[in-house]
Structure formats: structure tokens, C-alpha cells
Amino acid sequence: MAFYDWCDRNADVVRWASEPISVEYKNPLSCMKYCETYKLDWRNPIYWKTAKYNIDVWIELREKNGNVRKIFIEIKPYEQSVPPKQPGPNAKLKEHKAFNRLAL
């Protein structure tokens, strides 16, 4: 991966790690279908499942003044960094559903 190469070659990077920690969080979307099926309020946190998210990169970066900054970085493919294109009014339902999923 290009960013990892950059970390290895950059003299200002003191150290770095790939996926160094996991963060637990409550995911309100994890049980939405279940709640809809059983007529439960999916917005109620008691129905949310715990999920884990791995932070992509952690680096220690030496600044010009000599201080070291510790930074967490999220890396996404280019396609996920631009807004999805909204389908036209004559688009199929499948295209509208895909747009809604990507627009979250």
C-alpha cells in the first residue's frame, strides 16, 4: 500500500502500525431488519449490537519544532471518498437502493 511505503520512507515518521487497536461501538443499523420484523423501535439502544472497528493506521510524526504528534488515520479507497451519483428518476429500484446504501 502506498501509504505504508510513505511511512517507511519518511524520516519524520518515528514509528507506525497497521490496525493497532479495535474500538467497540454500538451499531444502530445492525438489527434494523430484526426490529422491523418484530415491530420494535430500532432507535432504542437496547437492540443495538456491539461491533468492533479497527483503526487503519497509527503514526508518530515528528514535527518541524521537534515535537512528536500521535495520529490515527483512516484509509479509504477513492470510490468511498466521493459522494455517490444519484440515480435519475427513471432508474431501477435496485439503483436507488444502492445509492441509499452508499449515501449513509
PDB file of N, CA and C in Angstrom:
ATOM      1  N   MET A   1       0.852  -1.179   0.000  1.00  0.00           N
ATOM      2  CA  MET A   1       0.000   0.000   0.000  1.00  0.00           C
ATOM      3  C   MET A   1       0.899   1.243   0.000  1.00  0.00           C
ATOM      4  N   ALA A   2       0.519   2.222  -0.779  1.00  0.00           N
ATOM      5  CA  ALA A   2       1.333   3.421  -0.965  1.00  0.00           C
ATOM      6  C   ALA A   2       1.568   4.175   0.346  1.00  0.00           C
ATOM      7  N   PHE A   3       0.541   4.243   1.200  1.00  0.00           N
ATOM      8  CA  PHE A   3       0.719   4.985   2.454  1.00  0.00           C
ATOM      9  C   PHE A   3       1.725   4.297   3.365  1.00  0.00           C
ATOM     10  N   TYR A   4       1.711   2.974   3.411  1.00  0.00           N
ATOM     11  CA  TYR A   4       2.670   2.248   4.240  1.00  0.00           C
ATOM     12  C   TYR A   4       4.094   2.487   3.730  1.00  0.00           C
ATOM     13  N   ASP A   5       4.256   2.495   2.414  1.00  0.00           N
ATOM     14  CA  ASP A   5       5.574   2.799   1.840  1.00  0.00           C
ATOM     15  C   ASP A   5       6.016   4.198   2.247  1.00  0.00           C
ATOM     16  N   TRP A   6       5.074   5.156   2.193  1.00  0.00           N
ATOM     17  CA  TRP A   6       5.387   6.520   2.596  1.00  0.00           C
ATOM     18  C   TRP A   6       5.870   6.550   4.047  1.00  0.00           C
ATOM     19  N   CYS A   7       5.192   5.816   4.926  1.00  0.00           N
ATOM     20  CA  CYS A   7       5.591   5.763   6.340  1.00  0.00           C
ATOM     21  C   CYS A   7       7.005   5.198   6.489  1.00  0.00           C
ATOM     22  N   ASP A   8       7.311   4.150   5.735  1.00  0.00           N
ATOM     23  CA  ASP A   8       8.636   3.531   5.811  1.00  0.00           C
ATOM     24  C   ASP A   8       9.742   4.450   5.312  1.00  0.00           C
ATOM     25  N   ARG A   9       9.444   5.253   4.314  1.00  0.00           N
ATOM     26  CA  ARG A   9      10.465   6.089   3.678  1.00  0.00           C
ATOM     27  C   ARG A   9      10.586   7.493   4.287  1.00  0.00           C
ATOM     28  N   ASN A  10       9.608   7.931   5.057  1.00  0.00           N
ATOM     29  CA  ASN A  10       9.594   9.293   5.582  1.00  0.00           C
ATOM     30  C   ASN A  10      10.411   9.358   6.878  1.00  0.00           C
ATOM     31  N   ALA A  11      11.430  10.171   6.870  1.00  0.00           N
ATOM     32  CA  ALA A  11      12.309  10.294   8.037  1.00  0.00           C
ATOM     33  C   ALA A  11      11.596  10.920   9.238  1.00  0.00           C
ATOM     34  N   ASP A  12      10.507  11.648   9.006  1.00  0.00           N
ATOM     35  CA  ASP A  12       9.768  12.272  10.103  1.00  0.00           C
ATOM     36  C   ASP A  12       8.818  11.312  10.807  1.00  0.00           C
ATOM     37  N   VAL A  13       8.598  10.138  10.239  1.00  0.00           N
ATOM     38  CA  VAL A  13       7.753   9.136  10.899  1.00  0.00           C
ATOM     39  C   VAL A  13       8.622   8.381  11.893  1.00  0.00           C
ATOM     40  N   VAL A  14       8.363   8.597  13.181  1.00  0.00           N
ATOM     41  CA  VAL A  14       9.146   7.952  14.238  1.00  0.00           C
ATOM     42  C   VAL A  14       8.826   6.464  14.278  1.00  0.00           C
ATOM     43  N   ARG A  15       7.536   6.149  14.261  1.00  0.00           N
ATOM     44  CA  ARG A  15       7.078   4.756  14.179  1.00  0.00           C
ATOM     45  C   ARG A  15       5.629   4.754  13.744  1.00  0.00           C
ATOM     46  N   TRP A  16       5.192   3.583  13.262  1.00  0.00           N
ATOM     47  CA  TRP A  16       3.817   3.466  12.801  1.00  0.00           C
ATOM     48  C   TRP A  16       3.375   2.017  12.928  1.00  0.00           C
ATOM     49  N   ALA A  17       2.043   1.811  12.897  1.00  0.00           N
ATOM     50  CA  ALA A  17       1.483   0.464  12.984  1.00  0.00           C
ATOM     51  C   ALA A  17       0.191   0.400  12.179  1.00  0.00           C
ATOM     52  N   SER A  18      -0.043  -0.753  11.588  1.00  0.00           N
ATOM     53  CA  SER A  18      -1.263  -1.009  10.838  1.00  0.00           C
ATOM     54  C   SER A  18      -2.261  -1.721  11.743  1.00  0.00           C
ATOM     55  N   GLU A  19      -3.487  -1.210  11.804  1.00  0.00           N
ATOM     56  CA  GLU A  19      -4.571  -1.753  12.638  1.00  0.00           C
ATOM     57  C   GLU A  19      -4.107  -2.052  14.067  1.00  0.00           C
ATOM     58  N   PRO A  20      -3.630  -1.031  14.776  1.00  0.00           N
ATOM     59  CA  PRO A  20      -3.069  -1.260  16.110  1.00  0.00           C
ATOM     60  C   PRO A  20      -4.103  -1.507  17.202  1.00  0.00           C
ATOM     61  N   ILE A  21      -5.309  -0.965  17.039  1.00  0.00           N
ATOM     62  CA  ILE A  21      -6.326  -1.146  18.085  1.00  0.00           C
ATOM     63  C   ILE A  21      -7.703  -1.318  17.472  1.00  0.00           C
ATOM     64  N   SER A  22      -8.603  -1.896  18.273  1.00  0.00           N
ATOM     65  CA  SER A  22     -10.016  -2.007  17.908  1.00  0.00           C
ATOM     66  C   SER A  22     -10.815  -1.113  18.840  1.00  0.00           C
ATOM     67  N   VAL A  23     -11.831  -0.507  18.289  1.00  0.00           N
ATOM     68  CA  VAL A  23     -12.717   0.339  19.073  1.00  0.00           C
ATOM     69  C   VAL A  23     -14.101  -0.312  19.061  1.00  0.00           C
ATOM     70  N   GLU A  24     -14.651  -0.542  20.234  1.00  0.00           N
ATOM     71  CA  GLU A  24     -16.006  -1.093  20.306  1.00  0.00           C
ATOM     72  C   GLU A  24     -17.017   0.039  20.219  1.00  0.00           C
ATOM     73  N   TYR A  25     -18.113  -0.216  19.520  1.00  0.00           N
ATOM     74  CA  TYR A  25     -19.173   0.771  19.418  1.00  0.00           C
ATOM     75  C   TYR A  25     -20.517   0.065  19.272  1.00  0.00           C
ATOM     76  N   LYS A  26     -21.581   0.773  19.543  1.00  0.00           N
ATOM     77  CA  LYS A  26     -22.930   0.235  19.386  1.00  0.00           C
ATOM     78  C   LYS A  26     -23.432   0.622  18.002  1.00  0.00           C
ATOM     79  N   ASN A  27     -23.857  -0.367  17.240  1.00  0.00           N
ATOM     80  CA  ASN A  27     -24.283  -0.158  15.863  1.00  0.00           C
ATOM     81  C   ASN A  27     -25.805  -0.181  15.760  1.00  0.00           C
ATOM     82  N   PRO A  28     -26.452   0.975  15.543  1.00  0.00           N
ATOM     83  CA  PRO A  28     -27.910   1.008  15.478  1.00  0.00           C
ATOM     84  C   PRO A  28     -28.467   0.328  14.229  1.00  0.00           C
ATOM     85  N   LEU A  29     -27.672   0.174  13.195  1.00  0.00           N
ATOM     86  CA  LEU A  29     -28.161  -0.432  11.964  1.00  0.00           C
ATOM     87  C   LEU A  29     -28.055  -1.951  11.959  1.00  0.00           C
ATOM     88  N   SER A  30     -27.337  -2.509  12.923  1.00  0.00           N
ATOM     89  CA  SER A  30     -27.064  -3.941  12.926  1.00  0.00           C
ATOM     90  C   SER A  30     -28.311  -4.805  13.079  1.00  0.00           C
ATOM     91  N   CYS A  31     -29.355  -4.259  13.651  1.00  0.00           N
ATOM     92  CA  CYS A  31     -30.551  -5.079  13.886  1.00  0.00           C
ATOM     93  C   CYS A  31     -31.808  -4.439  13.300  1.00  0.00           C
ATOM     94  N   MET A  32     -31.639  -3.564  12.352  1.00  0.00           N
ATOM     95  CA  MET A  32     -32.780  -2.834  11.809  1.00  0.00           C
ATOM     96  C   MET A  32     -33.836  -3.786  11.224  1.00  0.00           C
ATOM     97  N   LYS A  33     -33.418  -4.775  10.434  1.00  0.00           N
ATOM     98  CA  LYS A  33     -34.378  -5.719   9.839  1.00  0.00           C
ATOM     99  C   LYS A  33     -35.085  -6.531  10.919  1.00  0.00           C
ATOM    100  N   TYR A  34     -34.327  -6.967  11.931  1.00  0.00           N
ATOM    101  CA  TYR A  34     -34.908  -7.719  13.039  1.00  0.00           C
ATOM    102  C   TYR A  34     -35.984  -6.886  13.727  1.00  0.00           C
ATOM    103  N   CYS A  35     -35.670  -5.628  14.007  1.00  0.00           N
ATOM    104  CA  CYS A  35     -36.625  -4.748  14.688  1.00  0.00           C
ATOM    105  C   CYS A  35     -37.856  -4.488  13.826  1.00  0.00           C
ATOM    106  N   GLU A  36     -37.657  -4.308  12.540  1.00  0.00           N
ATOM    107  CA  GLU A  36     -38.799  -4.090  11.651  1.00  0.00           C
ATOM    108  C   GLU A  36     -39.691  -5.322  11.603  1.00  0.00           C
ATOM    109  N   THR A  37     -39.083  -6.501  11.566  1.00  0.00           N
ATOM    110  CA  THR A  37     -39.844  -7.751  11.514  1.00  0.00           C
ATOM    111  C   THR A  37     -40.720  -7.918  12.751  1.00  0.00           C
ATOM    112  N   TYR A  38     -40.183  -7.590  13.921  1.00  0.00           N
ATOM    113  CA  TYR A  38     -40.901  -7.786  15.182  1.00  0.00           C
ATOM    114  C   TYR A  38     -41.505  -6.502  15.739  1.00  0.00           C
ATOM    115  N   LYS A  39     -41.597  -5.480  14.896  1.00  0.00           N
ATOM    116  CA  LYS A  39     -42.232  -4.195  15.263  1.00  0.00           C
ATOM    117  C   LYS A  39     -41.596  -3.582  16.516  1.00  0.00           C
ATOM    118  N   LEU A  40     -40.264  -3.570  16.538  1.00  0.00           N
ATOM    119  CA  LEU A  40     -39.517  -2.969  17.638  1.00  0.00           C
ATOM    120  C   LEU A  40     -38.917  -1.651  17.158  1.00  0.00           C
ATOM    121  N   ASP A  41     -38.649  -0.748  18.070  1.00  0.00           N
ATOM    122  CA  ASP A  41     -38.069   0.538  17.722  1.00  0.00           C
ATOM    123  C   ASP A  41     -36.557   0.392  17.572  1.00  0.00           C
ATOM    124  N   TRP A  42     -36.055   0.391  16.336  1.00  0.00           N
ATOM    125  CA  TRP A  42     -34.627   0.188  16.088  1.00  0.00           C
ATOM    126  C   TRP A  42     -33.780   1.329  16.637  1.00  0.00           C
ATOM    127  N   ARG A  43     -34.393   2.468  16.949  1.00  0.00           N
ATOM    128  CA  ARG A  43     -33.637   3.597  17.512  1.00  0.00           C
ATOM    129  C   ARG A  43     -33.327   3.400  18.996  1.00  0.00           C
ATOM    130  N   ASN A  44     -33.951   2.408  19.633  1.00  0.00           N
ATOM    131  CA  ASN A  44     -33.722   2.129  21.050  1.00  0.00           C
ATOM    132  C   ASN A  44     -32.390   1.379  21.210  1.00  0.00           C
ATOM    133  N   PRO A  45     -31.428   1.961  21.926  1.00  0.00           N
ATOM    134  CA  PRO A  45     -30.098   1.343  22.059  1.00  0.00           C
ATOM    135  C   PRO A  45     -30.083  -0.060  22.654  1.00  0.00           C
ATOM    136  N   ILE A  46     -31.140  -0.484  23.337  1.00  0.00           N
ATOM    137  CA  ILE A  46     -31.109  -1.840  23.895  1.00  0.00           C
ATOM    138  C   ILE A  46     -31.080  -2.902  22.793  1.00  0.00           C
ATOM    139  N   TYR A  47     -31.465  -2.549  21.572  1.00  0.00           N
ATOM    140  CA  TYR A  47     -31.457  -3.504  20.468  1.00  0.00           C
ATOM    141  C   TYR A  47     -30.175  -3.427  19.633  1.00  0.00           C
ATOM    142  N   TRP A  48     -29.321  -2.473  19.899  1.00  0.00           N
ATOM    143  CA  TRP A  48     -28.104  -2.300  19.108  1.00  0.00           C
ATOM    144  C   TRP A  48     -27.068  -3.348  19.486  1.00  0.00           C
ATOM    145  N   LYS A  49     -26.433  -3.910  18.500  1.00  0.00           N
ATOM    146  CA  LYS A  49     -25.372  -4.880  18.748  1.00  0.00           C
ATOM    147  C   LYS A  49     -24.037  -4.151  18.889  1.00  0.00           C
ATOM    148  N   THR A  50     -23.155  -4.752  19.676  1.00  0.00           N
ATOM    149  CA  THR A  50     -21.811  -4.215  19.811  1.00  0.00           C
ATOM    150  C   THR A  50     -20.995  -4.689  18.620  1.00  0.00           C
ATOM    151  N   ALA A  51     -20.259  -3.771  18.025  1.00  0.00           N
ATOM    152  CA  ALA A  51     -19.393  -4.101  16.902  1.00  0.00           C
ATOM    153  C   ALA A  51     -17.987  -3.591  17.212  1.00  0.00           C
ATOM    154  N   LYS A  52     -17.028  -4.068  16.455  1.00  0.00           N
ATOM    155  CA  LYS A  52     -15.643  -3.610  16.624  1.00  0.00           C
ATOM    156  C   LYS A  52     -15.188  -2.960  15.325  1.00  0.00           C
ATOM    157  N   TYR A  53     -14.438  -1.895  15.486  1.00  0.00           N
ATOM    158  CA  TYR A  53     -13.874  -1.211  14.339  1.00  0.00           C
ATOM    159  C   TYR A  53     -12.367  -1.134  14.521  1.00  0.00           C
ATOM    160  N   ASN A  54     -11.615  -1.558  13.528  1.00  0.00           N
ATOM    161  CA  ASN A  54     -10.153  -1.493  13.576  1.00  0.00           C
ATOM    162  C   ASN A  54      -9.684  -0.184  12.945  1.00  0.00           C
ATOM    163  N   ILE A  55      -8.929   0.592  13.711  1.00  0.00           N
ATOM    164  CA  ILE A  55      -8.325   1.812  13.190  1.00  0.00           C
ATOM    165  C   ILE A  55      -7.269   1.386  12.165  1.00  0.00           C
ATOM    166  N   ASP A  56      -7.241   2.024  10.990  1.00  0.00           N
ATOM    167  CA  ASP A  56      -6.331   1.585   9.926  1.00  0.00           C
ATOM    168  C   ASP A  56      -4.858   1.788  10.261  1.00  0.00           C
ATOM    169  N   VAL A  57      -4.477   3.000  10.658  1.00  0.00           N
ATOM    170  CA  VAL A  57      -3.051   3.285  10.878  1.00  0.00           C
ATOM    171  C   VAL A  57      -2.887   4.209  12.071  1.00  0.00           C
ATOM    172  N   TRP A  58      -1.819   3.992  12.802  1.00  0.00           N
ATOM    173  CA  TRP A  58      -1.389   4.897  13.878  1.00  0.00           C
ATOM    174  C   TRP A  58       0.044   5.275  13.569  1.00  0.00           C
ATOM    175  N   ILE A  59       0.335   6.578  13.565  1.00  0.00           N
ATOM    176  CA  ILE A  59       1.718   7.004  13.342  1.00  0.00           C
ATOM    177  C   ILE A  59       2.137   8.006  14.406  1.00  0.00           C
ATOM    178  N   GLU A  60       3.435   8.026  14.655  1.00  0.00           N
ATOM    179  CA  GLU A  60       4.057   9.085  15.440  1.00  0.00           C
ATOM    180  C   GLU A  60       4.883   9.886  14.452  1.00  0.00           C
ATOM    181  N   LEU A  61       4.528  11.152  14.298  1.00  0.00           N
ATOM    182  CA  LEU A  61       5.130  12.011  13.284  1.00  0.00           C
ATOM    183  C   LEU A  61       5.887  13.155  13.942  1.00  0.00           C
ATOM    184  N   ARG A  62       7.174  13.281  13.615  1.00  0.00           N
ATOM    185  CA  ARG A  62       7.992  14.358  14.169  1.00  0.00           C
ATOM    186  C   ARG A  62       7.691  15.646  13.412  1.00  0.00           C
ATOM    187  N   GLU A  63       7.312  16.698  14.165  1.00  0.00           N
ATOM    188  CA  GLU A  63       7.020  17.993  13.558  1.00  0.00           C
ATOM    189  C   GLU A  63       8.308  18.797  13.416  1.00  0.00           C
ATOM    190  N   LYS A  64       8.236  19.916  12.702  1.00  0.00           N
ATOM    191  CA  LYS A  64       9.428  20.752  12.462  1.00  0.00           C
ATOM    192  C   LYS A  64      10.024  21.297  13.757  1.00  0.00           C
ATOM    193  N   ASN A  65       9.166  21.505  14.774  1.00  0.00           N
ATOM    194  CA  ASN A  65       9.663  22.035  16.051  1.00  0.00           C
ATOM    195  C   ASN A  65      10.241  20.935  16.952  1.00  0.00           C
ATOM    196  N   GLY A  66      10.239  19.692  16.473  1.00  0.00           N
ATOM    197  CA  GLY A  66      10.809  18.589  17.242  1.00  0.00           C
ATOM    198  C   GLY A  66       9.792  17.790  18.039  1.00  0.00           C
ATOM    199  N   ASN A  67       8.600  18.338  18.231  1.00  0.00           N
ATOM    200  CA  ASN A  67       7.549  17.599  18.941  1.00  0.00           C
ATOM    201  C   ASN A  67       7.092  16.405  18.108  1.00  0.00           C
ATOM    202  N   VAL A  68       6.605  15.383  18.799  1.00  0.00           N
ATOM    203  CA  VAL A  68       6.082  14.203  18.113  1.00  0.00           C
ATOM    204  C   VAL A  68       4.572  14.168  18.278  1.00  0.00           C
ATOM    205  N   ARG A  69       3.882  14.123  17.144  1.00  0.00           N
ATOM    206  CA  ARG A  69       2.414  14.044  17.132  1.00  0.00           C
ATOM    207  C   ARG A  69       1.989  12.612  16.917  1.00  0.00           C
ATOM    208  N   LYS A  70       1.022  12.154  17.690  1.00  0.00           N
ATOM    209  CA  LYS A  70       0.471  10.808  17.528  1.00  0.00           C
ATOM    210  C   LYS A  70      -0.864  10.956  16.810  1.00  0.00           C
ATOM    211  N   ILE A  71      -1.018  10.222  15.696  1.00  0.00           N
ATOM    212  CA  ILE A  71      -2.174  10.413  14.832  1.00  0.00           C
ATOM    213  C   ILE A  71      -2.782   9.061  14.460  1.00  0.00           C
ATOM    214  N   PHE A  72      -4.112   8.980  14.511  1.00  0.00           N
ATOM    215  CA  PHE A  72      -4.846   7.845  13.956  1.00  0.00           C
ATOM    216  C   PHE A  72      -5.323   8.246  12.574  1.00  0.00           C
ATOM    217  N   ILE A  73      -5.191   7.334  11.619  1.00  0.00           N
ATOM    218  CA  ILE A  73      -5.540   7.647  10.234  1.00  0.00           C
ATOM    219  C   ILE A  73      -6.467   6.564   9.684  1.00  0.00           C
ATOM    220  N   GLU A  74      -7.495   7.002   8.999  1.00  0.00           N
ATOM    221  CA  GLU A  74      -8.426   6.103   8.318  1.00  0.00           C
ATOM    222  C   GLU A  74      -8.110   6.166   6.826  1.00  0.00           C
ATOM    223  N   ILE A  75      -7.944   5.016   6.208  1.00  0.00           N
ATOM    224  CA  ILE A  75      -7.642   4.957   4.782  1.00  0.00           C
ATOM    225  C   ILE A  75      -8.826   4.338   4.061  1.00  0.00           C
ATOM    226  N   LYS A  76      -9.293   5.036   3.044  1.00  0.00           N
ATOM    227  CA  LYS A  76     -10.416   4.555   2.239  1.00  0.00           C
ATOM    228  C   LYS A  76     -10.036   4.571   0.771  1.00  0.00           C
ATOM    229  N   PRO A  77     -10.582   3.651  -0.022  1.00  0.00           N
ATOM    230  CA  PRO A  77     -10.368   3.725  -1.462  1.00  0.00           C
ATOM    231  C   PRO A  77     -11.018   4.993  -2.023  1.00  0.00           C
ATOM    232  N   TYR A  78     -10.510   5.453  -3.148  1.00  0.00           N
ATOM    233  CA  TYR A  78     -11.016   6.686  -3.744  1.00  0.00           C
ATOM    234  C   TYR A  78     -12.538   6.651  -3.923  1.00  0.00           C
ATOM    235  N   GLU A  79     -13.072   5.520  -4.368  1.00  0.00           N
ATOM    236  CA  GLU A  79     -14.515   5.405  -4.623  1.00  0.00           C
ATOM    237  C   GLU A  79     -15.343   5.737  -3.386  1.00  0.00           C
ATOM    238  N   GLN A  80     -14.795   5.470  -2.201  1.00  0.00           N
ATOM    239  CA  GLN A  80     -15.520   5.743  -0.967  1.00  0.00           C
ATOM    240  C   GLN A  80     -15.279   7.155  -0.450  1.00  0.00           C
ATOM    241  N   SER A  81     -14.470   7.929  -1.147  1.00  0.00           N
ATOM    242  CA  SER A  81     -14.171   9.290  -0.687  1.00  0.00           C
ATOM    243  C   SER A  81     -14.932  10.360  -1.463  1.00  0.00           C
ATOM    244  N   VAL A  82     -15.730   9.929  -2.425  1.00  0.00           N
ATOM    245  CA  VAL A  82     -16.540  10.874  -3.205  1.00  0.00           C
ATOM    246  C   VAL A  82     -18.010  10.508  -3.046  1.00  0.00           C
ATOM    247  N   PRO A  83     -18.899  11.498  -3.090  1.00  0.00           N
ATOM    248  CA  PRO A  83     -20.327  11.195  -2.949  1.00  0.00           C
ATOM    249  C   PRO A  83     -20.825  10.316  -4.102  1.00  0.00           C
ATOM    250  N   PRO A  84     -21.735   9.392  -3.823  1.00  0.00           N
ATOM    251  CA  PRO A  84     -22.276   8.564  -4.901  1.00  0.00           C
ATOM    252  C   PRO A  84     -23.150   9.403  -5.838  1.00  0.00           C
ATOM    253  N   LYS A  85     -23.229   8.972  -7.085  1.00  0.00           N
ATOM    254  CA  LYS A  85     -24.062   9.675  -8.056  1.00  0.00           C
ATOM    255  C   LYS A  85     -25.509   9.258  -7.871  1.00  0.00           C
ATOM    256  N   GLN A  86     -26.378  10.259  -7.746  1.00  0.00           N
ATOM    257  CA  GLN A  86     -27.797   9.981  -7.544  1.00  0.00           C
ATOM    258  C   GLN A  86     -28.419   9.482  -8.846  1.00  0.00           C
ATOM    259  N   PRO A  87     -29.164   8.376  -8.778  1.00  0.00           N
ATOM    260  CA  PRO A  87     -29.788   7.854  -9.994  1.00  0.00           C
ATOM    261  C   PRO A  87     -30.900   8.782 -10.487  1.00  0.00           C
ATOM    262  N   GLY A  88     -31.145   8.731 -11.768  1.00  0.00           N
ATOM    263  CA  GLY A  88     -32.198   9.557 -12.368  1.00  0.00           C
ATOM    264  C   GLY A  88     -33.585   9.054 -12.006  1.00  0.00           C
ATOM    265  N   PRO A  89     -34.604   9.809 -12.345  1.00  0.00           N
ATOM    266  CA  PRO A  89     -35.978   9.442 -11.985  1.00  0.00           C
ATOM    267  C   PRO A  89     -36.450   8.148 -12.651  1.00  0.00           C
ATOM    268  N   ASN A  90     -35.845   7.770 -13.751  1.00  0.00           N
ATOM    269  CA  ASN A  90     -36.254   6.541 -14.450  1.00  0.00           C
ATOM    270  C   ASN A  90     -35.386   5.337 -14.093  1.00  0.00           C
ATOM    271  N   ALA A  91     -34.520   5.500 -13.108  1.00  0.00           N
ATOM    272  CA  ALA A  91     -33.623   4.409 -12.705  1.00  0.00           C
ATOM    273  C   ALA A  91     -34.413   3.288 -12.033  1.00  0.00           C
ATOM    274  N   LYS A  92     -33.841   2.101 -12.088  1.00  0.00           N
ATOM    275  CA  LYS A  92     -34.477   0.942 -11.466  1.00  0.00           C
ATOM    276  C   LYS A  92     -34.385   1.052  -9.951  1.00  0.00           C
ATOM    277  N   LEU A  93     -35.302   0.363  -9.277  1.00  0.00           N
ATOM    278  CA  LEU A  93     -35.336   0.365  -7.814  1.00  0.00           C
ATOM    279  C   LEU A  93     -33.997  -0.094  -7.242  1.00  0.00           C
ATOM    280  N   LYS A  94     -33.382  -1.070  -7.898  1.00  0.00           N
ATOM    281  CA  LYS A  94     -32.087  -1.598  -7.458  1.00  0.00           C
ATOM    282  C   LYS A  94     -31.040  -0.479  -7.391  1.00  0.00           C
ATOM    283  N   GLU A  95     -31.051   0.431  -8.374  1.00  0.00           N
ATOM    284  CA  GLU A  95     -30.087   1.535  -8.399  1.00  0.00           C
ATOM    285  C   GLU A  95     -30.356   2.528  -7.272  1.00  0.00           C
ATOM    286  N   HIS A  96     -31.642   2.787  -6.980  1.00  0.00           N
ATOM    287  CA  HIS A  96     -31.994   3.692  -5.880  1.00  0.00           C
ATOM    288  C   HIS A  96     -31.573   3.098  -4.536  1.00  0.00           C
ATOM    289  N   LYS A  97     -31.763   1.795  -4.365  1.00  0.00           N
ATOM    290  CA  LYS A  97     -31.364   1.138  -3.124  1.00  0.00           C
ATOM    291  C   LYS A  97     -29.848   1.188  -2.946  1.00  0.00           C
ATOM    292  N   ALA A  98     -29.112   0.959  -4.030  1.00  0.00           N
ATOM    293  CA  ALA A  98     -27.652   1.022  -3.967  1.00  0.00           C
ATOM    294  C   ALA A  98     -27.200   2.433  -3.593  1.00  0.00           C
ATOM    295  N   PHE A  99     -27.832   3.441  -4.172  1.00  0.00           N
ATOM    296  CA  PHE A  99     -27.494   4.828  -3.836  1.00  0.00           C
ATOM    297  C   PHE A  99     -27.748   5.104  -2.364  1.00  0.00           C
ATOM    298  N   ASN A 100     -28.908   4.682  -1.864  1.00  0.00           N
ATOM    299  CA  ASN A 100     -29.247   4.926  -0.451  1.00  0.00           C
ATOM    300  C   ASN A 100     -28.248   4.250   0.480  1.00  0.00           C
ATOM    301  N   ARG A 101     -27.824   3.044   0.115  1.00  0.00           N
ATOM    302  CA  ARG A 101     -26.843   2.334   0.947  1.00  0.00           C
ATOM    303  C   ARG A 101     -25.500   3.063   0.941  1.00  0.00           C
ATOM    304  N   LEU A 102     -25.075   3.547  -0.210  1.00  0.00           N
ATOM    305  CA  LEU A 102     -23.787   4.233  -0.316  1.00  0.00           C
ATOM    306  C   LEU A 102     -23.827   5.625   0.304  1.00  0.00           C
ATOM    307  N   ALA A 103     -24.999   6.247   0.340  1.00  0.00           N
ATOM    308  CA  ALA A 103     -25.122   7.622   0.840  1.00  0.00           C
ATOM    309  C   ALA A 103     -25.157   7.707   2.362  1.00  0.00           C
ATOM    310  N   LEU A 104     -25.241   6.580   3.053  1.00  0.00           N
ATOM    311  CA  LEU A 104     -25.302   6.603   4.517  1.00  0.00           C
ATOM    312  C   LEU A 104     -24.092   7.228   5.138  1.00  0.00           C
TER     313      LEU A 104
END
